[in-house]
């Protein structure tokens, strides 16, 4: 009976370990590639859907700019449906010019910054208008909101004309207590909210502003 070389078992064992390590390395590379692809989709790919929605709003926005409607008496303005164009927000300091939609649900914010439906409207003449926006995904409209400074101008272009606000503060609150900034005010004001720090959501970055110019008839 022929004898088996002593190193055969060792070779098989070595082959098994080498194979396992090689496959482990391949799986790690595949996992890293998948993770990188997922991050890229979150940061840039989600913007494709947002840009399509923003493009679809342009005919409506152009109509507002060319033929603004008269400001209606308080309480008589037509209801704006969730996901529909609400206003255009312009912040020169950070180069922002985007359509704001009605609502802040997940699907609404895919289309652009969203108006908190339980807050005031610019044309009400009183109360606080609240707008939320993504910081790092879906075209990240509020990515550089931390750069906005007191004294800067924020404009909301609506179907009833242009409303200009002057920034009064820029600050950060814990996520758990940030909801208090949506409390209504006797004077017409604006608040913008987004996640903080970038790529996280443990806090909220807040920008507040006061109304300094409104179309004739607002607040009647």
N, C-alpha and C. Protein backbone atom coordinates (compact mmCIF):
# COMPACT_ATOMS: atom_id res chain seq x y z
N UNK A 1 0.85 -1.19 0.00
CA UNK A 1 0.00 0.00 0.00
C UNK A 1 0.88 1.23 0.00
N UNK A 2 0.58 2.13 -0.95
CA UNK A 2 1.43 3.30 -1.09
C UNK A 2 1.19 4.25 0.07
N UNK A 3 2.24 4.84 0.56
CA UNK A 3 2.11 5.78 1.67
C UNK A 3 1.74 7.17 1.16
N UNK A 4 1.03 7.93 1.97
CA UNK A 4 0.62 9.29 1.62
C UNK A 4 1.70 10.25 2.10
N UNK A 5 2.16 11.14 1.22
CA UNK A 5 3.18 12.11 1.64
C UNK A 5 2.70 12.90 2.86
N UNK A 6 3.59 13.18 3.74
CA UNK A 6 3.24 13.83 5.01
C UNK A 6 2.71 15.23 4.82
N UNK A 7 3.10 15.92 3.70
CA UNK A 7 2.71 17.31 3.55
C UNK A 7 1.38 17.49 2.84
N UNK A 8 0.70 16.37 2.47
CA UNK A 8 -0.57 16.49 1.75
C UNK A 8 -1.64 17.10 2.64
N UNK A 9 -1.79 16.58 3.85
CA UNK A 9 -2.78 17.13 4.77
C UNK A 9 -2.53 18.59 5.07
N UNK A 10 -1.27 18.95 5.24
CA UNK A 10 -0.92 20.34 5.51
C UNK A 10 -1.28 21.24 4.35
N UNK A 11 -1.04 20.74 3.10
CA UNK A 11 -1.35 21.53 1.90
C UNK A 11 -2.85 21.76 1.80
N UNK A 12 -3.63 20.69 2.10
CA UNK A 12 -5.08 20.86 2.03
C UNK A 12 -5.55 21.87 3.07
N UNK A 13 -4.97 21.79 4.26
CA UNK A 13 -5.35 22.73 5.31
C UNK A 13 -5.00 24.15 4.93
N UNK A 14 -3.77 24.30 4.37
CA UNK A 14 -3.34 25.63 3.94
C UNK A 14 -4.25 26.15 2.84
N UNK A 15 -4.65 25.29 1.90
CA UNK A 15 -5.52 25.67 0.80
C UNK A 15 -6.88 26.14 1.34
N UNK A 16 -7.38 25.43 2.34
CA UNK A 16 -8.67 25.80 2.91
C UNK A 16 -8.62 27.17 3.56
N UNK A 17 -7.59 27.44 4.34
CA UNK A 17 -7.47 28.73 4.98
C UNK A 17 -7.25 29.84 3.97
N UNK A 18 -6.44 29.59 2.98
CA UNK A 18 -6.20 30.61 1.95
C UNK A 18 -7.49 30.92 1.20
N UNK A 19 -8.27 29.89 0.90
CA UNK A 19 -9.53 30.10 0.19
C UNK A 19 -10.50 30.92 1.04
N UNK A 20 -10.59 30.56 2.30
CA UNK A 20 -11.51 31.27 3.20
C UNK A 20 -11.12 32.74 3.32
N UNK A 21 -9.81 32.99 3.47
CA UNK A 21 -9.35 34.38 3.58
C UNK A 21 -9.61 35.16 2.29
N UNK A 22 -9.41 34.48 1.16
CA UNK A 22 -9.62 35.14 -0.13
C UNK A 22 -11.09 35.52 -0.30
N UNK A 23 -11.99 34.59 0.03
CA UNK A 23 -13.41 34.88 -0.08
C UNK A 23 -13.86 35.94 0.92
N UNK A 24 -13.25 35.92 2.09
CA UNK A 24 -13.56 36.96 3.07
C UNK A 24 -13.17 38.33 2.53
N UNK A 25 -12.00 38.40 1.90
CA UNK A 25 -11.56 39.66 1.30
C UNK A 25 -12.49 40.13 0.20
N UNK A 26 -12.94 39.16 -0.63
CA UNK A 26 -13.86 39.51 -1.71
C UNK A 26 -15.17 40.06 -1.15
N UNK A 27 -15.68 39.40 -0.11
CA UNK A 27 -16.93 39.86 0.50
C UNK A 27 -16.79 41.24 1.12
N UNK A 28 -15.63 41.48 1.72
CA UNK A 28 -15.38 42.81 2.29
C UNK A 28 -15.38 43.88 1.21
N UNK A 29 -14.74 43.58 0.08
CA UNK A 29 -14.70 44.53 -1.03
C UNK A 29 -16.10 44.78 -1.59
N UNK A 30 -16.87 43.70 -1.70
CA UNK A 30 -18.23 43.85 -2.21
C UNK A 30 -19.08 44.69 -1.25
N UNK A 31 -18.89 44.45 0.05
CA UNK A 31 -19.64 45.22 1.04
C UNK A 31 -19.26 46.69 1.00
N UNK A 32 -17.95 46.96 0.86
CA UNK A 32 -17.49 48.34 0.79
C UNK A 32 -18.03 49.04 -0.45
N UNK A 33 -18.04 48.31 -1.57
CA UNK A 33 -18.57 48.89 -2.82
C UNK A 33 -20.05 49.19 -2.69
N UNK A 34 -20.78 48.26 -2.07
CA UNK A 34 -22.22 48.47 -1.88
C UNK A 34 -22.47 49.68 -0.98
N UNK A 35 -21.71 49.77 0.11
CA UNK A 35 -21.87 50.89 1.04
C UNK A 35 -21.55 52.21 0.36
N UNK A 36 -20.44 52.23 -0.42
CA UNK A 36 -20.06 53.45 -1.12
C UNK A 36 -21.14 53.85 -2.13
N UNK A 37 -21.70 52.85 -2.81
CA UNK A 37 -22.76 53.13 -3.77
C UNK A 37 -24.00 53.68 -3.09
N UNK A 38 -24.32 53.11 -1.92
CA UNK A 38 -25.50 53.57 -1.18
C UNK A 38 -25.31 55.01 -0.71
N UNK A 39 -24.13 55.33 -0.20
CA UNK A 39 -23.84 56.69 0.25
C UNK A 39 -23.91 57.66 -0.92
N UNK A 40 -23.34 57.25 -2.06
CA UNK A 40 -23.38 58.11 -3.25
C UNK A 40 -24.81 58.37 -3.68
N UNK A 41 -25.65 57.34 -3.60
CA UNK A 41 -27.06 57.51 -3.96
C UNK A 41 -27.75 58.48 -3.00
N UNK A 42 -27.47 58.35 -1.69
CA UNK A 42 -28.09 59.25 -0.73
C UNK A 42 -27.68 60.69 -0.97
N UNK A 43 -26.40 60.90 -1.22
CA UNK A 43 -25.88 62.26 -1.33
C UNK A 43 -26.17 62.90 -2.68
N UNK A 44 -26.13 62.10 -3.75
CA UNK A 44 -26.29 62.68 -5.09
C UNK A 44 -27.45 62.07 -5.88
N UNK A 45 -27.62 60.79 -5.79
CA UNK A 45 -28.65 60.13 -6.59
C UNK A 45 -30.05 60.58 -6.24
N UNK A 46 -30.31 60.85 -4.95
CA UNK A 46 -31.65 61.28 -4.55
C UNK A 46 -32.01 62.62 -5.17
N UNK A 47 -30.99 63.39 -5.54
CA UNK A 47 -31.24 64.70 -6.13
C UNK A 47 -31.90 64.62 -7.50
N UNK A 48 -31.78 63.47 -8.17
CA UNK A 48 -32.40 63.32 -9.49
C UNK A 48 -33.91 63.46 -9.37
N UNK A 49 -34.49 62.78 -8.39
CA UNK A 49 -35.93 62.85 -8.18
C UNK A 49 -36.36 64.26 -7.81
N UNK A 50 -35.58 64.91 -6.95
CA UNK A 50 -35.92 66.27 -6.53
C UNK A 50 -35.86 67.24 -7.71
N UNK A 51 -34.83 67.10 -8.54
CA UNK A 51 -34.70 68.00 -9.68
C UNK A 51 -35.85 67.83 -10.66
N UNK A 52 -36.30 66.61 -10.85
CA UNK A 52 -37.45 66.37 -11.73
C UNK A 52 -38.69 67.07 -11.20
N UNK A 53 -38.89 66.99 -9.89
CA UNK A 53 -40.05 67.66 -9.29
C UNK A 53 -39.92 69.18 -9.41
N UNK A 54 -38.71 69.69 -9.15
CA UNK A 54 -38.49 71.13 -9.27
C UNK A 54 -38.76 71.62 -10.69
N UNK A 55 -38.33 70.84 -11.67
CA UNK A 55 -38.56 71.23 -13.07
C UNK A 55 -40.05 71.26 -13.39
N UNK A 56 -40.79 70.33 -12.82
CA UNK A 56 -42.23 70.26 -13.11
C UNK A 56 -42.98 71.45 -12.55
N UNK A 57 -42.40 72.13 -11.54
CA UNK A 57 -43.06 73.28 -10.94
C UNK A 57 -42.83 74.58 -11.71
N UNK A 58 -41.89 74.59 -12.63
CA UNK A 58 -41.49 75.84 -13.28
C UNK A 58 -42.62 76.58 -13.99
N UNK A 59 -43.50 75.91 -14.74
CA UNK A 59 -44.60 76.67 -15.37
C UNK A 59 -45.48 77.39 -14.35
N UNK A 60 -45.73 76.75 -13.21
CA UNK A 60 -46.53 77.37 -12.16
C UNK A 60 -45.81 78.59 -11.58
N UNK A 61 -44.53 78.43 -11.30
CA UNK A 61 -43.74 79.51 -10.72
C UNK A 61 -43.66 80.70 -11.68
N UNK A 62 -43.46 80.43 -12.95
CA UNK A 62 -43.39 81.51 -13.93
C UNK A 62 -44.70 82.28 -14.00
N UNK A 63 -45.81 81.57 -13.84
CA UNK A 63 -47.12 82.23 -13.83
C UNK A 63 -47.23 83.16 -12.63
N UNK A 64 -46.74 82.72 -11.47
CA UNK A 64 -46.77 83.58 -10.29
C UNK A 64 -45.98 84.86 -10.52
N UNK A 65 -44.78 84.71 -11.08
CA UNK A 65 -43.89 85.85 -11.26
C UNK A 65 -44.43 86.84 -12.28
N UNK A 66 -45.05 86.33 -13.33
CA UNK A 66 -45.53 87.19 -14.40
C UNK A 66 -46.90 87.79 -14.10
N UNK A 67 -47.74 87.03 -13.40
CA UNK A 67 -49.11 87.49 -13.13
C UNK A 67 -49.51 87.17 -11.69
N UNK A 68 -48.91 87.87 -10.71
CA UNK A 68 -49.29 87.60 -9.31
C UNK A 68 -50.75 87.96 -9.06
N UNK A 69 -51.40 87.18 -8.22
CA UNK A 69 -52.80 87.40 -7.89
C UNK A 69 -52.91 88.43 -6.76
N UNK A 70 -54.08 89.02 -6.66
CA UNK A 70 -54.34 89.93 -5.55
C UNK A 70 -54.39 89.13 -4.25
N UNK A 71 -53.86 89.71 -3.18
CA UNK A 71 -53.87 89.03 -1.89
C UNK A 71 -55.32 88.88 -1.41
N UNK A 72 -55.78 87.68 -1.13
CA UNK A 72 -57.17 87.49 -0.71
C UNK A 72 -57.37 87.88 0.75
N UNK A 73 -58.59 88.17 1.15
CA UNK A 73 -58.86 88.43 2.57
C UNK A 73 -58.45 87.22 3.41
N UNK A 74 -58.09 87.48 4.64
CA UNK A 74 -57.63 86.42 5.53
C UNK A 74 -58.66 85.31 5.63
N UNK A 75 -58.20 84.07 5.46
CA UNK A 75 -59.06 82.92 5.60
C UNK A 75 -59.78 82.50 4.34
N UNK A 76 -59.56 83.23 3.24
CA UNK A 76 -60.27 82.90 2.01
C UNK A 76 -59.35 82.36 0.91
N UNK A 77 -58.05 82.28 1.17
CA UNK A 77 -57.13 81.78 0.15
C UNK A 77 -57.41 80.31 -0.13
N UNK A 78 -57.35 79.90 -1.38
CA UNK A 78 -57.57 78.47 -1.72
C UNK A 78 -56.56 77.57 -1.00
N UNK A 79 -57.01 76.38 -0.63
CA UNK A 79 -56.14 75.42 0.06
C UNK A 79 -55.10 74.88 -0.91
N UNK A 80 -53.86 74.80 -0.44
CA UNK A 80 -52.77 74.22 -1.24
C UNK A 80 -52.60 72.78 -0.81
N UNK A 81 -52.66 71.87 -1.74
CA UNK A 81 -52.59 70.45 -1.44
C UNK A 81 -51.17 70.02 -1.10
N UNK A 82 -51.00 69.02 -0.25
CA UNK A 82 -49.67 68.50 0.07
C UNK A 82 -48.90 68.10 -1.19
N UNK A 83 -47.66 68.50 -1.25
CA UNK A 83 -46.82 68.17 -2.39
C UNK A 83 -46.88 69.16 -3.52
N UNK A 84 -47.84 70.10 -3.49
CA UNK A 84 -47.95 71.11 -4.54
C UNK A 84 -47.01 72.27 -4.25
N UNK A 85 -46.73 73.06 -5.28
CA UNK A 85 -45.86 74.23 -5.12
C UNK A 85 -46.49 75.23 -4.16
N UNK A 86 -45.72 75.70 -3.20
CA UNK A 86 -46.20 76.63 -2.18
C UNK A 86 -45.58 78.02 -2.36
N UNK A 87 -44.28 78.04 -2.60
CA UNK A 87 -43.56 79.31 -2.76
C UNK A 87 -42.20 79.00 -3.36
N UNK A 88 -41.48 80.04 -3.71
CA UNK A 88 -40.07 79.90 -4.09
C UNK A 88 -39.26 80.59 -3.00
N UNK A 89 -38.30 79.88 -2.44
CA UNK A 89 -37.44 80.47 -1.42
C UNK A 89 -36.12 80.89 -2.05
N UNK A 90 -35.73 82.13 -1.79
CA UNK A 90 -34.49 82.68 -2.34
C UNK A 90 -33.64 83.19 -1.17
N UNK A 91 -32.43 82.64 -1.04
CA UNK A 91 -31.49 83.09 -0.01
C UNK A 91 -30.17 83.44 -0.71
N UNK A 92 -29.96 84.71 -1.04
CA UNK A 92 -28.75 85.10 -1.78
C UNK A 92 -27.45 84.68 -1.09
N UNK A 93 -27.41 84.72 0.23
CA UNK A 93 -26.17 84.40 0.95
C UNK A 93 -25.61 83.03 0.58
N UNK A 94 -26.51 82.05 0.36
CA UNK A 94 -26.05 80.68 0.06
C UNK A 94 -26.44 80.25 -1.36
N UNK A 95 -26.90 81.18 -2.17
CA UNK A 95 -27.22 80.86 -3.56
C UNK A 95 -28.41 79.93 -3.72
N UNK A 96 -29.34 79.97 -2.79
CA UNK A 96 -30.50 79.07 -2.85
C UNK A 96 -31.66 79.71 -3.59
N UNK A 97 -32.24 78.98 -4.51
CA UNK A 97 -33.41 79.41 -5.27
C UNK A 97 -34.18 78.15 -5.63
N UNK A 98 -35.14 77.76 -4.78
CA UNK A 98 -35.85 76.50 -4.96
C UNK A 98 -37.33 76.66 -4.65
N UNK A 99 -38.11 75.80 -5.24
CA UNK A 99 -39.54 75.77 -4.97
C UNK A 99 -39.80 75.06 -3.64
N UNK A 100 -40.59 75.68 -2.81
CA UNK A 100 -41.04 75.08 -1.55
C UNK A 100 -42.38 74.40 -1.81
N UNK A 101 -42.56 73.20 -1.29
CA UNK A 101 -43.83 72.49 -1.46
C UNK A 101 -44.65 72.58 -0.18
N UNK A 102 -45.92 72.27 -0.31
CA UNK A 102 -46.78 72.23 0.86
C UNK A 102 -46.60 70.89 1.57
N UNK A 103 -46.25 70.94 2.87
CA UNK A 103 -46.10 69.73 3.65
C UNK A 103 -44.66 69.37 3.95
N UNK A 104 -44.48 68.64 5.05
CA UNK A 104 -43.14 68.23 5.47
C UNK A 104 -43.05 66.72 5.67
N UNK A 105 -43.99 65.97 5.10
CA UNK A 105 -43.89 64.52 5.15
C UNK A 105 -42.70 64.05 4.32
N UNK A 106 -42.33 62.78 4.50
CA UNK A 106 -41.17 62.23 3.79
C UNK A 106 -41.29 62.41 2.28
N UNK A 107 -42.46 62.11 1.73
CA UNK A 107 -42.64 62.21 0.28
C UNK A 107 -42.63 63.66 -0.18
N UNK A 108 -43.17 64.56 0.65
CA UNK A 108 -43.17 65.98 0.29
C UNK A 108 -41.75 66.52 0.18
N UNK A 109 -40.92 66.19 1.18
CA UNK A 109 -39.56 66.74 1.22
C UNK A 109 -38.65 66.14 0.15
N UNK A 110 -39.09 65.11 -0.52
CA UNK A 110 -38.33 64.62 -1.68
C UNK A 110 -38.37 65.62 -2.83
N UNK A 111 -39.40 66.46 -2.84
CA UNK A 111 -39.59 67.40 -3.94
C UNK A 111 -38.89 68.73 -3.70
N UNK A 112 -38.57 69.03 -2.45
CA UNK A 112 -37.93 70.30 -2.12
C UNK A 112 -38.22 70.66 -0.68
N UNK A 113 -37.80 71.86 -0.24
CA UNK A 113 -38.14 72.29 1.10
C UNK A 113 -39.66 72.28 1.28
N UNK A 114 -40.12 72.07 2.52
CA UNK A 114 -41.55 71.95 2.75
C UNK A 114 -42.08 72.92 3.78
N UNK A 115 -43.28 73.41 3.55
CA UNK A 115 -43.96 74.31 4.49
C UNK A 115 -44.70 73.50 5.54
N UNK A 116 -44.45 73.79 6.81
CA UNK A 116 -45.19 73.16 7.89
C UNK A 116 -46.65 73.60 7.79
N UNK A 117 -47.55 72.66 7.53
CA UNK A 117 -48.94 73.02 7.24
C UNK A 117 -49.65 73.66 8.42
N UNK A 118 -49.17 73.44 9.63
CA UNK A 118 -49.83 74.01 10.81
C UNK A 118 -49.28 75.39 11.18
N UNK A 119 -48.38 75.93 10.36
CA UNK A 119 -47.87 77.27 10.62
C UNK A 119 -48.53 78.27 9.67
N UNK A 120 -48.24 79.53 9.88
CA UNK A 120 -48.88 80.60 9.11
C UNK A 120 -48.43 80.61 7.66
N UNK A 121 -49.14 81.38 6.85
CA UNK A 121 -48.77 81.66 5.47
C UNK A 121 -48.23 83.08 5.38
N UNK A 122 -47.36 83.37 4.45
CA UNK A 122 -46.83 84.73 4.33
C UNK A 122 -47.93 85.78 4.16
N UNK A 123 -48.99 85.43 3.42
CA UNK A 123 -50.06 86.39 3.12
C UNK A 123 -51.06 86.56 4.25
N UNK A 124 -50.87 85.87 5.38
CA UNK A 124 -51.78 86.03 6.52
C UNK A 124 -51.60 87.37 7.22
N UNK A 125 -50.40 87.91 7.14
CA UNK A 125 -50.14 89.19 7.79
C UNK A 125 -49.75 89.08 9.24
N UNK A 126 -49.79 87.88 9.79
CA UNK A 126 -49.39 87.64 11.18
C UNK A 126 -48.98 86.18 11.31
N UNK A 127 -48.31 85.85 12.41
CA UNK A 127 -47.92 84.45 12.64
C UNK A 127 -46.58 84.09 12.04
N UNK A 128 -46.14 82.89 12.36
CA UNK A 128 -44.82 82.40 11.93
C UNK A 128 -44.96 81.38 10.82
N UNK A 129 -44.28 81.63 9.70
CA UNK A 129 -44.20 80.68 8.59
C UNK A 129 -43.05 79.73 8.87
N UNK A 130 -43.30 78.44 8.84
CA UNK A 130 -42.26 77.44 9.10
C UNK A 130 -41.93 76.64 7.86
N UNK A 131 -40.64 76.50 7.57
CA UNK A 131 -40.19 75.74 6.40
C UNK A 131 -39.05 74.82 6.81
N UNK A 132 -39.14 73.54 6.43
CA UNK A 132 -38.09 72.56 6.70
C UNK A 132 -37.43 72.15 5.39
N UNK A 133 -36.18 71.72 5.48
CA UNK A 133 -35.47 71.28 4.27
C UNK A 133 -34.37 70.30 4.61
N UNK A 134 -34.05 69.42 3.65
CA UNK A 134 -32.97 68.46 3.85
C UNK A 134 -31.62 69.17 3.87
N UNK A 135 -30.68 68.57 4.60
CA UNK A 135 -29.33 69.15 4.73
C UNK A 135 -28.34 68.44 3.81
N UNK A 136 -28.53 67.13 3.57
CA UNK A 136 -27.51 66.39 2.81
C UNK A 136 -28.07 65.53 1.69
N UNK A 137 -29.39 65.39 1.57
CA UNK A 137 -29.97 64.57 0.52
C UNK A 137 -31.03 65.36 -0.24
N UNK A 138 -31.53 64.79 -1.34
CA UNK A 138 -32.59 65.41 -2.14
C UNK A 138 -32.25 66.86 -2.50
N UNK A 139 -31.09 67.02 -3.13
CA UNK A 139 -30.53 68.32 -3.56
C UNK A 139 -30.09 69.20 -2.38
N UNK A 140 -30.14 68.63 -1.16
CA UNK A 140 -29.67 69.30 0.06
C UNK A 140 -29.86 70.83 0.04
N UNK A 141 -31.12 71.31 -0.01
CA UNK A 141 -31.35 72.76 -0.12
C UNK A 141 -30.78 73.57 1.04
N UNK A 142 -30.74 72.99 2.25
CA UNK A 142 -30.27 73.73 3.41
C UNK A 142 -28.86 73.30 3.83
N UNK A 143 -28.08 72.79 2.90
CA UNK A 143 -26.74 72.31 3.21
C UNK A 143 -25.89 73.39 3.89
N UNK A 144 -25.96 74.62 3.38
CA UNK A 144 -25.14 75.71 3.92
C UNK A 144 -25.94 76.70 4.75
N UNK A 145 -27.05 76.25 5.32
CA UNK A 145 -27.89 77.16 6.09
C UNK A 145 -27.13 77.75 7.28
N UNK A 146 -26.12 77.05 7.77
CA UNK A 146 -25.33 77.57 8.89
C UNK A 146 -24.58 78.85 8.54
N UNK A 147 -24.43 79.14 7.23
CA UNK A 147 -23.71 80.33 6.80
C UNK A 147 -24.58 81.58 6.76
N UNK A 148 -25.88 81.40 6.88
CA UNK A 148 -26.80 82.55 6.86
C UNK A 148 -26.61 83.37 8.14
N UNK A 149 -26.54 84.69 7.98
CA UNK A 149 -26.21 85.56 9.09
C UNK A 149 -27.33 86.56 9.38
N UNK A 150 -27.44 87.03 10.63
CA UNK A 150 -28.41 88.08 10.93
C UNK A 150 -28.22 89.29 10.01
N UNK A 151 -29.31 89.80 9.50
CA UNK A 151 -29.25 90.91 8.55
C UNK A 151 -29.40 90.46 7.11
N UNK A 152 -29.16 89.16 6.85
CA UNK A 152 -29.33 88.64 5.49
C UNK A 152 -30.82 88.65 5.10
N UNK A 153 -31.05 88.61 3.80
CA UNK A 153 -32.42 88.61 3.27
C UNK A 153 -32.84 87.21 2.83
N UNK A 154 -34.06 86.84 3.18
CA UNK A 154 -34.70 85.61 2.68
C UNK A 154 -36.01 86.04 2.04
N UNK A 155 -36.24 85.63 0.81
CA UNK A 155 -37.47 86.01 0.11
C UNK A 155 -38.31 84.78 -0.18
N UNK A 156 -39.62 84.95 -0.08
CA UNK A 156 -40.58 83.93 -0.48
C UNK A 156 -41.43 84.52 -1.60
N UNK A 157 -41.32 83.93 -2.78
CA UNK A 157 -42.11 84.37 -3.93
C UNK A 157 -43.33 83.46 -4.01
N UNK A 158 -44.50 84.03 -3.89
CA UNK A 158 -45.74 83.27 -3.85
C UNK A 158 -46.66 83.70 -4.99
N UNK A 159 -47.81 83.04 -5.08
CA UNK A 159 -48.81 83.40 -6.10
C UNK A 159 -49.37 84.79 -5.85
N UNK A 160 -49.12 85.34 -4.64
CA UNK A 160 -49.63 86.67 -4.29
C UNK A 160 -48.54 87.73 -4.26
N UNK A 161 -47.37 87.39 -4.73
CA UNK A 161 -46.27 88.36 -4.74
C UNK A 161 -45.10 87.94 -3.88
N UNK A 162 -44.18 88.87 -3.68
CA UNK A 162 -42.92 88.59 -3.00
C UNK A 162 -42.94 89.10 -1.56
N UNK A 163 -42.48 88.24 -0.66
CA UNK A 163 -42.37 88.59 0.76
C UNK A 163 -40.90 88.51 1.15
N UNK A 164 -40.37 89.62 1.67
CA UNK A 164 -38.96 89.68 2.05
C UNK A 164 -38.82 89.67 3.57
N UNK A 165 -37.88 88.87 4.03
CA UNK A 165 -37.62 88.74 5.47
C UNK A 165 -36.16 89.08 5.76
N UNK A 166 -35.93 89.62 6.94
CA UNK A 166 -34.57 89.90 7.41
C UNK A 166 -34.22 88.93 8.52
N UNK A 167 -33.10 88.21 8.36
CA UNK A 167 -32.68 87.21 9.34
C UNK A 167 -32.39 87.87 10.68
N UNK A 168 -32.91 87.27 11.74
CA UNK A 168 -32.69 87.80 13.09
C UNK A 168 -31.78 86.91 13.93
N UNK A 169 -31.72 85.61 13.63
CA UNK A 169 -30.89 84.70 14.44
C UNK A 169 -30.61 83.41 13.68
N UNK A 170 -29.50 82.77 14.05
CA UNK A 170 -29.09 81.47 13.52
C UNK A 170 -28.53 80.68 14.70
N UNK A 171 -29.20 79.57 15.07
CA UNK A 171 -28.77 78.86 16.28
C UNK A 171 -29.12 77.37 16.17
N UNK A 172 -28.67 76.61 17.15
CA UNK A 172 -28.85 75.15 17.16
C UNK A 172 -29.58 74.74 18.43
N UNK A 173 -30.51 73.78 18.29
CA UNK A 173 -31.23 73.24 19.43
C UNK A 173 -31.19 71.72 19.39
N UNK A 174 -31.31 71.05 20.53
CA UNK A 174 -31.46 69.60 20.52
C UNK A 174 -32.72 69.22 19.75
N UNK A 175 -32.70 68.09 19.09
CA UNK A 175 -33.84 67.65 18.29
C UNK A 175 -35.11 67.57 19.12
N UNK A 176 -34.98 67.15 20.37
CA UNK A 176 -36.15 66.93 21.22
C UNK A 176 -36.89 68.21 21.57
N UNK A 177 -36.21 69.34 21.57
CA UNK A 177 -36.85 70.60 21.98
C UNK A 177 -37.01 71.59 20.84
N UNK A 178 -36.60 71.22 19.64
CA UNK A 178 -36.60 72.16 18.52
C UNK A 178 -37.99 72.54 18.06
N UNK A 179 -38.99 71.73 18.38
CA UNK A 179 -40.35 72.02 17.92
C UNK A 179 -40.90 73.34 18.43
N UNK A 180 -40.33 73.86 19.50
CA UNK A 180 -40.85 75.10 20.07
C UNK A 180 -40.66 76.30 19.14
N UNK A 181 -39.76 76.18 18.16
CA UNK A 181 -39.53 77.32 17.26
C UNK A 181 -40.70 77.50 16.29
N UNK A 182 -41.61 76.53 16.24
CA UNK A 182 -42.78 76.64 15.38
C UNK A 182 -43.95 77.33 16.08
N UNK A 183 -43.75 77.72 17.33
CA UNK A 183 -44.78 78.46 18.06
C UNK A 183 -45.11 79.75 17.32
N UNK A 184 -46.39 80.03 17.18
CA UNK A 184 -46.81 81.20 16.42
C UNK A 184 -46.44 82.51 17.12
N UNK A 185 -46.22 83.54 16.31
CA UNK A 185 -45.82 84.85 16.81
C UNK A 185 -46.88 85.88 16.43
N UNK A 186 -47.03 86.95 17.23
CA UNK A 186 -48.01 87.98 16.88
C UNK A 186 -47.63 88.74 15.62
N UNK A 187 -46.32 88.93 15.42
CA UNK A 187 -45.85 89.61 14.22
C UNK A 187 -45.54 88.59 13.14
N UNK A 188 -45.54 88.99 11.86
CA UNK A 188 -45.21 88.06 10.78
C UNK A 188 -43.73 87.71 10.78
N UNK A 189 -43.42 86.43 10.97
CA UNK A 189 -42.04 85.98 11.04
C UNK A 189 -41.87 84.70 10.20
N UNK A 190 -40.63 84.28 10.09
CA UNK A 190 -40.27 83.09 9.31
C UNK A 190 -39.27 82.28 10.11
N UNK A 191 -39.38 80.94 10.05
CA UNK A 191 -38.37 80.07 10.65
C UNK A 191 -38.03 78.96 9.68
N UNK A 192 -36.75 78.69 9.53
CA UNK A 192 -36.25 77.59 8.71
C UNK A 192 -35.60 76.57 9.63
N UNK A 193 -35.84 75.28 9.37
CA UNK A 193 -35.26 74.23 10.20
C UNK A 193 -34.61 73.16 9.33
N UNK A 194 -33.52 72.58 9.84
CA UNK A 194 -32.87 71.47 9.16
C UNK A 194 -32.04 70.69 10.17
N UNK A 195 -31.56 69.54 9.76
CA UNK A 195 -30.78 68.69 10.67
C UNK A 195 -29.40 69.27 10.92
N UNK A 196 -28.86 68.96 12.07
CA UNK A 196 -27.53 69.40 12.46
C UNK A 196 -26.92 68.37 13.41
N UNK A 197 -25.59 68.12 13.32
CA UNK A 197 -24.66 68.62 12.31
C UNK A 197 -24.90 67.95 10.95
N UNK A 198 -24.12 68.35 9.97
CA UNK A 198 -24.27 67.73 8.66
C UNK A 198 -24.03 66.22 8.77
N UNK A 199 -24.83 65.46 8.06
CA UNK A 199 -24.74 63.99 8.03
C UNK A 199 -25.18 63.36 9.35
N UNK A 200 -25.91 64.13 10.17
CA UNK A 200 -26.46 63.60 11.41
C UNK A 200 -27.77 64.31 11.70
N UNK A 201 -28.47 63.88 12.77
CA UNK A 201 -29.77 64.49 13.03
C UNK A 201 -30.07 64.62 14.51
N UNK A 202 -29.04 64.68 15.33
CA UNK A 202 -29.26 64.78 16.78
C UNK A 202 -29.69 66.18 17.20
N UNK A 203 -29.49 67.16 16.31
CA UNK A 203 -29.83 68.54 16.60
C UNK A 203 -30.62 69.13 15.44
N UNK A 204 -31.10 70.35 15.65
CA UNK A 204 -31.75 71.09 14.58
C UNK A 204 -31.09 72.47 14.46
N UNK A 205 -30.75 72.82 13.23
CA UNK A 205 -30.24 74.15 12.93
C UNK A 205 -31.44 75.04 12.62
N UNK A 206 -31.50 76.18 13.26
CA UNK A 206 -32.67 77.05 13.18
C UNK A 206 -32.26 78.44 12.67
N UNK A 207 -33.02 78.98 11.73
CA UNK A 207 -32.85 80.36 11.28
C UNK A 207 -34.19 81.06 11.41
N UNK A 208 -34.20 82.19 12.10
CA UNK A 208 -35.42 82.97 12.23
C UNK A 208 -35.27 84.30 11.51
N UNK A 209 -36.41 84.86 11.08
CA UNK A 209 -36.39 86.12 10.34
C UNK A 209 -37.70 86.86 10.55
N UNK A 210 -37.66 88.16 10.33
CA UNK A 210 -38.86 88.99 10.46
C UNK A 210 -39.24 89.56 9.10
N UNK A 211 -40.54 89.74 8.87
CA UNK A 211 -41.02 90.28 7.60
C UNK A 211 -40.69 91.77 7.52
N UNK A 212 -40.12 92.18 6.38
CA UNK A 212 -39.78 93.58 6.18
C UNK A 212 -40.46 94.17 4.94
N UNK A 213 -41.00 93.31 4.07
CA UNK A 213 -41.72 93.82 2.91
C UNK A 213 -42.73 92.80 2.44
N UNK A 214 -43.94 93.28 2.13
CA UNK A 214 -45.01 92.39 1.65
C UNK A 214 -45.79 93.10 0.54
N UNK A 215 -46.44 92.36 -0.33
CA UNK A 215 -47.26 92.97 -1.37
C UNK A 215 -48.43 93.75 -0.75
N UNK A 216 -48.93 94.74 -1.45
CA UNK A 216 -50.09 95.50 -0.94
C UNK A 216 -51.26 94.56 -0.67
N UNK A 217 -51.93 94.79 0.44
CA UNK A 217 -53.11 94.00 0.74
C UNK A 217 -52.87 92.85 1.66
N UNK A 218 -51.63 92.52 1.95
CA UNK A 218 -51.35 91.38 2.83
C UNK A 218 -51.86 91.65 4.24
N UNK A 219 -52.49 90.65 4.81
CA UNK A 219 -52.97 90.77 6.19
C UNK A 219 -54.29 91.47 6.33
N UNK A 220 -55.02 91.70 5.23
CA UNK A 220 -56.31 92.38 5.31
C UNK A 220 -57.38 91.44 5.90
